[in-house]
Amino acid sequence: MTLTDGVLLLFTLALLVWAIYDEWILDKRCGQTLLAVPLLRRSRVDCLIFVGLIAILIYQNVTQQGAPLTLWLLCALALVVIYLFWIRIPKIRFKPQGFFLSGVWVKYNRIKAMNLSEDGVLVMELEHRRLLVHVRNIDDLESIYHLLLKTQ
């Protein structure tokens, strides 16, 4: 195994572990999930560029008759990236003591202010940063509001 194959294997496994953690383990952490709201996807253009670059590497590996292991690792990396950025639906998961947003745990007592923008983005002001929650369905904002009132 070359250094390139090792790096490809490391990144593929890291992304796969993140996908498993985000899909199955976050639901079980920090108590029962009270509400899971699907969010809008971030820019798919970045993912398209990344998959395009991987496709170029796959093409070069095939035309230059590179190592089969490298080809398999590149294909596995492309599949994991496609799953993470195109198939998987990002969610915000509300728990009894806080919520998970993009894998980050935020306790309710850290929220200093909440506002709703004109285009339906929920803005949560924390101590030192601002969280923007882009919900997929605008009606989910009401569910979030009622849940936050109930838990506060």
Protein backbone atom coordinates (compact mmCIF):
# COMPACT_ATOMS: atom_id res chain seq x y z
CA MET A 1 0.00 0.00 0.00
CA THR A 2 1.40 3.35 -1.03
CA LEU A 3 1.12 6.61 0.88
CA THR A 4 -1.61 7.74 -1.55
CA ASP A 5 -3.65 4.63 -0.83
CA GLY A 6 -3.21 5.14 2.90
CA VAL A 7 -4.40 8.74 2.71
CA LEU A 8 -7.38 7.76 0.54
CA LEU A 9 -8.27 4.98 2.97
CA LEU A 10 -7.97 7.34 5.93
CA PHE A 11 -10.23 10.01 4.40
CA THR A 12 -12.77 7.47 3.17
CA LEU A 13 -12.98 5.85 6.61
CA ALA A 14 -13.21 9.24 8.32
CA LEU A 15 -16.13 10.31 6.11
CA LEU A 16 -17.80 6.91 6.56
CA VAL A 17 -17.47 7.14 10.35
CA TRP A 18 -18.94 10.66 10.24
CA ALA A 19 -21.89 9.41 8.16
CA ILE A 20 -22.58 6.56 10.60
CA TYR A 21 -22.23 8.89 13.61
CA ASP A 22 -24.54 11.51 12.11
CA GLU A 23 -27.19 9.04 10.97
CA TRP A 24 -27.44 6.57 13.86
CA ILE A 25 -25.40 7.59 16.89
CA LEU A 26 -26.60 11.20 17.28
CA ASP A 27 -30.16 9.98 17.81
CA LYS A 28 -29.01 8.04 20.88
CA ARG A 29 -26.73 10.67 22.46
CA CYS A 30 -27.85 13.06 25.22
CA GLY A 31 -31.27 11.59 25.76
CA GLN A 32 -34.34 10.98 23.67
CA THR A 33 -34.81 12.97 20.47
CA LEU A 34 -37.82 15.23 20.99
CA LEU A 35 -37.88 16.66 17.46
CA ALA A 36 -35.80 16.10 14.33
CA VAL A 37 -36.26 18.74 11.65
CA PRO A 38 -34.83 18.31 8.14
CA LEU A 39 -32.67 21.19 6.96
CA LEU A 40 -31.86 22.55 3.54
CA ARG A 41 -28.72 21.21 1.96
CA ARG A 42 -25.75 23.44 1.64
CA SER A 43 -24.32 24.16 -1.77
CA ARG A 44 -24.19 21.07 -3.93
CA VAL A 45 -21.78 22.81 -6.29
CA ASP A 46 -18.86 22.20 -3.94
CA CYS A 47 -19.69 18.51 -3.82
CA LEU A 48 -20.06 18.40 -7.59
CA ILE A 49 -16.60 19.93 -7.99
CA PHE A 50 -15.12 17.44 -5.51
CA VAL A 51 -16.76 14.44 -7.20
CA GLY A 52 -15.62 15.81 -10.57
CA LEU A 53 -12.03 15.93 -9.32
CA ILE A 54 -12.34 12.37 -8.04
CA ALA A 55 -13.74 11.33 -11.44
CA ILE A 56 -10.70 12.88 -13.13
CA LEU A 57 -8.43 10.91 -10.79
CA ILE A 58 -10.38 7.72 -11.54
CA TYR A 59 -10.07 8.38 -15.27
CA GLN A 60 -6.32 8.96 -14.98
CA ASN A 61 -5.91 5.81 -12.90
CA VAL A 62 -7.77 3.74 -15.49
CA THR A 63 -6.00 5.20 -18.55
CA GLN A 64 -2.53 4.94 -16.98
CA GLN A 65 -3.30 1.44 -15.64
CA GLY A 66 -2.75 2.42 -12.03
CA ALA A 67 -3.07 0.20 -9.01
CA PRO A 68 -6.47 -1.50 -8.64
CA LEU A 69 -6.51 -0.70 -4.92
CA THR A 70 -6.24 3.02 -5.69
CA LEU A 71 -9.14 2.74 -8.13
CA TRP A 72 -11.32 1.00 -5.55
CA LEU A 73 -10.44 3.55 -2.88
CA LEU A 74 -11.24 6.45 -5.20
CA CYS A 75 -14.59 4.89 -6.10
CA ALA A 76 -15.38 4.28 -2.42
CA LEU A 77 -14.49 7.90 -1.60
CA ALA A 78 -16.73 9.14 -4.41
CA LEU A 79 -19.65 7.01 -3.17
CA VAL A 80 -19.29 8.20 0.43
CA VAL A 81 -19.10 11.84 -0.70
CA ILE A 82 -22.17 11.43 -2.92
CA TYR A 83 -24.07 9.90 0.01
CA LEU A 84 -23.02 12.62 2.45
CA PHE A 85 -23.78 15.59 0.24
CA TRP A 86 -26.58 14.45 -2.09
CA ILE A 87 -28.49 11.56 -0.49
CA ARG A 88 -28.29 12.22 3.25
CA ILE A 89 -30.72 14.80 4.61
CA PRO A 90 -29.14 17.08 7.24
CA LYS A 91 -31.21 17.45 10.41
CA ILE A 92 -31.31 19.46 13.59
CA ARG A 93 -32.10 17.16 16.51
CA PHE A 94 -33.69 18.63 19.62
CA LYS A 95 -33.06 16.82 22.91
CA PRO A 96 -34.31 17.61 26.45
CA GLN A 97 -31.19 19.64 27.37
CA GLY A 98 -30.10 21.04 23.99
CA PHE A 99 -29.83 20.28 20.30
CA PHE A 100 -27.41 18.89 17.72
CA LEU A 101 -26.79 21.03 14.65
CA SER A 102 -24.21 19.69 12.18
CA GLY A 103 -22.88 17.34 14.84
CA VAL A 104 -22.31 20.14 17.36
CA TRP A 105 -24.06 20.02 20.75
CA VAL A 106 -25.61 23.31 21.88
CA LYS A 107 -27.32 23.59 25.27
CA TYR A 108 -30.49 25.65 25.45
CA ASN A 109 -29.07 27.97 28.13
CA ARG A 110 -26.43 29.19 25.65
CA ILE A 111 -29.11 30.76 23.44
CA LYS A 112 -29.16 34.48 24.16
CA ALA A 113 -31.67 35.56 21.49
CA MET A 114 -33.65 34.10 18.61
CA ASN A 115 -34.96 35.87 15.55
CA LEU A 116 -36.72 34.83 12.39
CA SER A 117 -35.53 36.43 9.18
CA GLU A 118 -37.83 37.43 6.35
CA ASP A 119 -36.77 34.48 4.21
CA GLY A 120 -37.59 31.90 6.92
CA VAL A 121 -34.16 31.42 8.48
CA LEU A 122 -34.09 30.92 12.24
CA VAL A 123 -31.19 32.92 13.72
CA MET A 124 -29.96 31.81 17.16
CA GLU A 125 -27.56 34.15 18.93
CA LEU A 126 -25.10 32.34 21.20
CA GLU A 127 -22.39 33.89 23.36
CA HIS A 128 -19.83 34.31 20.62
CA ARG A 129 -21.47 33.17 17.42
CA ARG A 130 -24.65 33.12 15.43
CA LEU A 131 -26.34 29.93 14.22
CA LEU A 132 -28.42 30.04 11.06
CA VAL A 133 -31.01 27.27 10.79
CA HIS A 134 -32.35 26.87 7.25
CA VAL A 135 -35.34 24.54 7.60
CA ARG A 136 -36.62 22.63 4.60
CA ASN A 137 -40.31 23.15 5.44
CA ILE A 138 -41.29 26.56 6.80
CA ASP A 139 -44.01 24.96 8.97
CA ASP A 140 -41.27 23.25 11.02
CA LEU A 141 -40.37 26.63 12.50
CA GLU A 142 -43.62 26.57 14.47
CA SER A 143 -42.77 23.11 15.83
CA ILE A 144 -39.34 24.37 16.87
CA TYR A 145 -40.91 27.41 18.54
CA HIS A 146 -43.36 25.30 20.55
CA LEU A 147 -40.65 22.86 21.57
CA LEU A 148 -38.34 25.64 22.73
CA LEU A 149 -41.16 27.20 24.75
CA LYS A 150 -41.89 23.86 26.36
CA THR A 151 -38.27 23.14 27.28
CA GLN A 152 -37.35 26.64 28.51
